[in-house]
Amino acid sequence: QAQLVESGGGLVQPGGSLTLSCAASGFSFSTYFMSWVRQRPGYGIEWISDIDSSGYNTYYAASVRGRFTISRDNAKNMVYLQMNSLEPEDTAVYYCAPKKDRVHYLSVTWGQGTRVTVSS
């Protein structure tokens, strides 16, 4: 069965950087899009970024474009989110999720997420 394990979160000051990692297993990782989403305190799930199966095409929400970079390593079944110029509004639990395409998420149980807190 599919397993997703996110890591790399923590406390960072505004303007700082973090890199999140997601280890995936139990499905054909290299054939699916991967996505990062987040849930800010008191809000619903917010899509952040997609990367296609090859890693060549990436997509970002306006709120993070230019600050976050998604990447993947298909040999390691890993997807990453490099986050720069972090803002307090980026405080959230971040999750990775596989997708069939830009719209449809794969029906798998998501991981526990990794918490990012941006605060001075």
Protein backbone atom coordinates (compact mmCIF):
# COMPACT_ATOMS: atom_id res chain seq x y z
CA GLN A 1 0.00 0.00 0.00
CA ALA A 2 1.07 3.55 -0.60
CA GLN A 3 3.04 5.33 2.08
CA LEU A 4 4.03 8.98 2.22
CA VAL A 5 6.39 10.30 4.86
CA GLU A 6 7.06 14.02 5.04
CA SER A 7 9.98 15.54 6.93
CA GLY A 8 12.05 18.67 7.22
CA GLY A 9 9.67 21.02 8.93
CA GLY A 10 10.51 23.14 11.92
CA LEU A 11 10.66 26.64 13.33
CA VAL A 12 12.23 29.27 11.13
CA GLN A 13 12.41 33.04 11.27
CA PRO A 14 10.72 35.19 8.64
CA GLY A 15 12.93 35.40 5.59
CA GLY A 16 14.48 32.04 6.32
CA SER A 17 14.55 28.84 4.33
CA LEU A 18 13.60 25.21 4.77
CA THR A 19 13.62 22.17 2.53
CA LEU A 20 10.86 19.64 2.96
CA SER A 21 11.23 16.05 1.85
CA CYS A 22 8.68 13.38 1.07
CA ALA A 23 9.56 9.71 0.87
CA ALA A 24 7.06 7.73 -1.17
CA SER A 25 6.57 4.01 -1.45
CA GLY A 26 3.97 1.42 -2.40
CA PHE A 27 3.01 2.86 -5.78
CA SER A 28 4.66 3.56 -9.11
CA PHE A 29 6.16 6.85 -8.00
CA SER A 30 7.86 7.73 -11.27
CA THR A 31 4.63 7.52 -13.26
CA TYR A 32 2.64 10.04 -11.25
CA PHE A 33 2.55 13.73 -10.69
CA MET A 34 3.46 14.73 -7.16
CA SER A 35 1.96 17.60 -5.28
CA TRP A 36 2.62 19.60 -2.14
CA VAL A 37 -0.34 20.96 -0.26
CA ARG A 38 -0.60 22.66 3.10
CA GLN A 39 -3.10 23.33 5.83
CA ARG A 40 -2.71 26.59 7.64
CA PRO A 41 -4.19 26.95 11.14
CA GLY A 42 -7.92 27.52 10.83
CA TYR A 43 -7.96 26.97 7.07
CA GLY A 44 -8.64 24.13 4.67
CA ILE A 45 -6.20 22.34 2.44
CA GLU A 46 -4.37 24.65 0.06
CA TRP A 47 -2.62 23.41 -3.06
CA ILE A 48 0.95 24.68 -3.28
CA SER A 49 2.77 23.01 -6.13
CA ASP A 50 2.78 20.16 -8.65
CA ILE A 51 5.57 18.45 -10.51
CA ASP A 52 4.99 16.11 -13.41
CA SER A 53 6.29 12.55 -13.54
CA SER A 54 9.44 13.50 -15.43
CA GLY A 55 10.25 16.42 -13.18
CA TYR A 56 10.54 18.78 -16.13
CA ASN A 57 7.28 20.64 -15.60
CA THR A 58 6.40 22.39 -12.38
CA TYR A 59 3.44 24.45 -11.27
CA TYR A 60 2.96 26.80 -8.34
CA ALA A 61 0.26 28.65 -6.51
CA ALA A 62 0.56 32.41 -6.82
CA SER A 63 1.17 32.68 -3.08
CA VAL A 64 4.47 30.77 -3.32
CA ARG A 65 5.65 31.29 -6.90
CA GLY A 66 9.17 32.64 -6.97
CA ARG A 67 9.84 31.58 -3.37
CA PHE A 68 9.26 27.80 -3.41
CA THR A 69 10.79 25.19 -5.71
CA ILE A 70 9.49 21.66 -6.13
CA SER A 71 11.74 18.88 -7.35
CA ARG A 72 11.84 15.10 -7.41
CA ASP A 73 14.26 12.22 -7.58
CA ASN A 74 12.60 9.26 -9.24
CA ALA A 75 15.53 7.00 -8.47
CA LYS A 76 14.96 7.59 -4.75
CA ASN A 77 11.16 7.98 -4.81
CA MET A 78 11.54 11.39 -3.21
CA VAL A 79 9.94 14.75 -3.76
CA TYR A 80 11.21 17.98 -2.26
CA LEU A 81 10.01 21.48 -1.59
CA GLN A 82 12.66 24.15 -1.21
CA MET A 83 11.10 27.10 0.59
CA ASN A 84 12.83 30.47 0.62
CA SER A 85 11.84 33.90 1.89
CA LEU A 86 9.43 32.31 4.31
CA GLU A 87 6.63 34.43 5.70
CA PRO A 88 4.48 33.97 8.81
CA GLU A 89 1.62 33.15 6.42
CA ASP A 90 3.52 30.04 5.34
CA THR A 91 2.98 28.55 8.80
CA ALA A 92 1.16 25.29 8.13
CA VAL A 93 1.33 21.54 8.06
CA TYR A 94 2.69 20.47 4.68
CA TYR A 95 1.74 17.25 2.93
CA CYS A 96 2.84 15.55 -0.26
CA ALA A 97 0.38 13.65 -2.41
CA PRO A 98 0.48 11.74 -5.69
CA LYS A 99 -1.76 12.83 -8.55
CA LYS A 100 -2.93 11.21 -11.76
CA ASP A 101 -2.79 14.57 -13.49
CA ARG A 102 -3.04 18.26 -12.58
CA VAL A 103 -6.56 17.74 -11.22
CA HIS A 104 -7.05 14.26 -9.81
CA TYR A 105 -5.34 13.05 -6.67
CA LEU A 106 -4.50 9.39 -6.36
CA SER A 107 -6.71 7.68 -3.80
CA VAL A 108 -4.14 6.98 -1.12
CA THR A 109 -3.84 7.75 2.55
CA TRP A 110 -1.73 10.83 3.09
CA GLY A 111 1.10 10.98 5.58
CA GLN A 112 1.17 12.85 8.85
CA GLY A 113 2.63 15.92 7.26
CA THR A 114 5.46 18.08 8.49
CA ARG A 115 4.83 21.25 10.47
CA VAL A 116 6.42 24.51 9.44
CA THR A 117 6.28 27.46 11.80
CA VAL A 118 7.52 30.83 10.61
CA SER A 119 7.93 33.16 13.54
CA SER A 120 10.42 35.51 15.09
